[in-house]
């Protein structure tokens, strides 16, 4: 079974914009984790994770984001989740993760606020 996710990364100075297209589930979460891990090695200060094109996130996907958040916070970086639809936001809310993550309605709004 192949991963069902496309990940695009854009670098702007010390910022990384990570656009994820597709579901983040048990199959695709390792690919997302690998990408985020390699980006942490670049020591970016801000990670904008664009979830606009993500329709579903599983508990495995939540674990990937939580792990990334913990590792980036320890190095002084920040993670902003952007553009998640109401179903994805609801998964974060039910899991209690909305209190942990900075979330914005859109990538553009996040860039204006934190960029």
Protein backbone atom coordinates (compact mmCIF):
# COMPACT_ATOMS: atom_id res chain seq x y z
CA UNK A 1 0.00 0.00 0.00
CA UNK A 2 1.43 3.41 -0.94
CA UNK A 3 1.12 6.69 0.92
CA UNK A 4 -1.83 8.83 -0.05
CA UNK A 5 -0.32 12.19 0.80
CA UNK A 6 1.57 14.88 -1.09
CA UNK A 7 3.86 17.19 0.88
CA UNK A 8 5.24 20.43 -0.53
CA UNK A 9 7.77 22.50 1.37
CA UNK A 10 8.60 26.14 0.77
CA UNK A 11 11.35 28.02 2.60
CA UNK A 12 11.19 31.74 3.28
CA UNK A 13 14.15 32.88 5.39
CA UNK A 14 13.84 31.02 8.72
CA UNK A 15 10.28 29.89 8.00
CA UNK A 16 9.08 26.62 6.51
CA UNK A 17 5.69 26.33 4.86
CA UNK A 18 4.58 22.70 4.75
CA UNK A 19 1.55 22.10 2.52
CA UNK A 20 -0.06 18.71 2.98
CA UNK A 21 -2.52 17.33 0.42
CA UNK A 22 -4.42 14.18 1.27
CA UNK A 23 -5.42 12.28 4.38
CA UNK A 24 -2.98 11.91 7.26
CA UNK A 25 -3.58 8.35 8.40
CA UNK A 26 -1.64 5.29 9.49
CA UNK A 27 -0.24 4.82 5.97
CA UNK A 28 0.79 8.42 5.28
CA UNK A 29 1.75 9.61 8.80
CA UNK A 30 5.29 8.15 8.60
CA UNK A 31 5.95 10.20 5.45
CA UNK A 32 4.70 13.37 7.17
CA UNK A 33 6.87 12.54 10.19
CA UNK A 34 9.95 12.00 8.02
CA UNK A 35 9.43 15.35 6.27
CA UNK A 36 8.95 17.25 9.53
CA UNK A 37 11.96 15.53 11.08
CA UNK A 38 14.21 16.55 8.19
CA UNK A 39 12.93 20.13 8.41
CA UNK A 40 13.69 20.30 12.15
CA UNK A 41 17.31 19.53 11.27
CA UNK A 42 17.37 22.81 9.29
CA UNK A 43 16.63 24.69 12.51
CA UNK A 44 13.77 26.77 11.13
CA UNK A 45 12.21 29.21 13.58
CA UNK A 46 8.60 28.90 12.40
CA UNK A 47 6.71 26.03 10.81
CA UNK A 48 3.47 26.89 9.03
CA UNK A 49 1.65 23.62 8.38
CA UNK A 50 -1.06 24.18 5.78
CA UNK A 51 -3.87 21.65 6.31
CA UNK A 52 -6.25 23.25 3.82
CA UNK A 53 -6.22 20.14 1.61
CA UNK A 54 -6.41 17.57 4.41
CA UNK A 55 -9.86 16.03 4.79
CA UNK A 56 -9.01 13.51 7.52
CA UNK A 57 -6.42 13.02 10.25
CA UNK A 58 -6.10 9.86 12.33
CA UNK A 59 -4.71 9.42 15.83
CA UNK A 60 -1.39 8.47 14.22
CA UNK A 61 -1.38 11.85 12.44
CA UNK A 62 -2.12 13.61 15.71
CA UNK A 63 0.84 11.85 17.33
CA UNK A 64 3.13 13.02 14.51
CA UNK A 65 2.09 16.64 15.04
CA UNK A 66 2.35 16.40 18.83
CA UNK A 67 5.83 14.90 18.59
CA UNK A 68 6.89 17.62 16.14
CA UNK A 69 5.47 20.31 18.43
CA UNK A 70 7.35 19.01 21.48
CA UNK A 71 10.64 18.76 19.59
CA UNK A 72 10.34 22.21 17.99
CA UNK A 73 9.33 23.93 21.22
CA UNK A 74 12.41 22.55 22.96
CA UNK A 75 14.54 24.27 20.32
CA UNK A 76 12.60 27.55 20.51
CA UNK A 77 10.69 27.15 17.25
CA UNK A 78 6.95 27.47 16.81
CA UNK A 79 4.37 25.46 14.89
CA UNK A 80 1.25 27.08 13.42
CA UNK A 81 -1.46 24.89 11.91
CA UNK A 82 -3.31 26.68 9.13
CA UNK A 83 -6.48 26.24 7.12
CA UNK A 84 -7.81 23.05 8.70
CA UNK A 85 -11.42 22.26 7.81
CA UNK A 86 -14.02 21.93 10.55
CA UNK A 87 -13.73 18.12 10.70
CA UNK A 88 -9.96 18.21 11.22
CA UNK A 89 -10.31 21.01 13.79
CA UNK A 90 -12.93 18.90 15.57
CA UNK A 91 -10.47 15.97 15.81
CA UNK A 92 -7.91 18.32 17.37
CA UNK A 93 -10.58 19.72 19.72
CA UNK A 94 -11.85 16.31 20.87
CA UNK A 95 -8.26 15.21 21.47
CA UNK A 96 -7.60 18.30 23.57
CA UNK A 97 -4.93 19.47 21.14
CA UNK A 98 -6.46 22.87 20.30
CA UNK A 99 -5.02 24.16 23.57
CA UNK A 100 -1.55 22.99 22.55
CA UNK A 101 -1.34 24.25 18.98
CA UNK A 102 -1.50 27.72 17.49
CA UNK A 103 -4.17 27.48 14.79
CA UNK A 104 -5.23 29.94 12.08
CA UNK A 105 -8.08 29.82 9.58
CA UNK A 106 -5.73 30.28 6.63
CA UNK A 107 -2.08 30.23 5.66
CA UNK A 108 -2.35 33.85 4.55
CA UNK A 109 -3.76 34.88 7.94
CA UNK A 110 -1.07 32.96 9.78
CA UNK A 111 1.68 34.52 7.67
CA UNK A 112 0.26 37.99 8.34
CA UNK A 113 -0.01 37.32 12.07
CA UNK A 114 3.18 35.35 12.72
CA UNK A 115 5.26 35.90 9.58
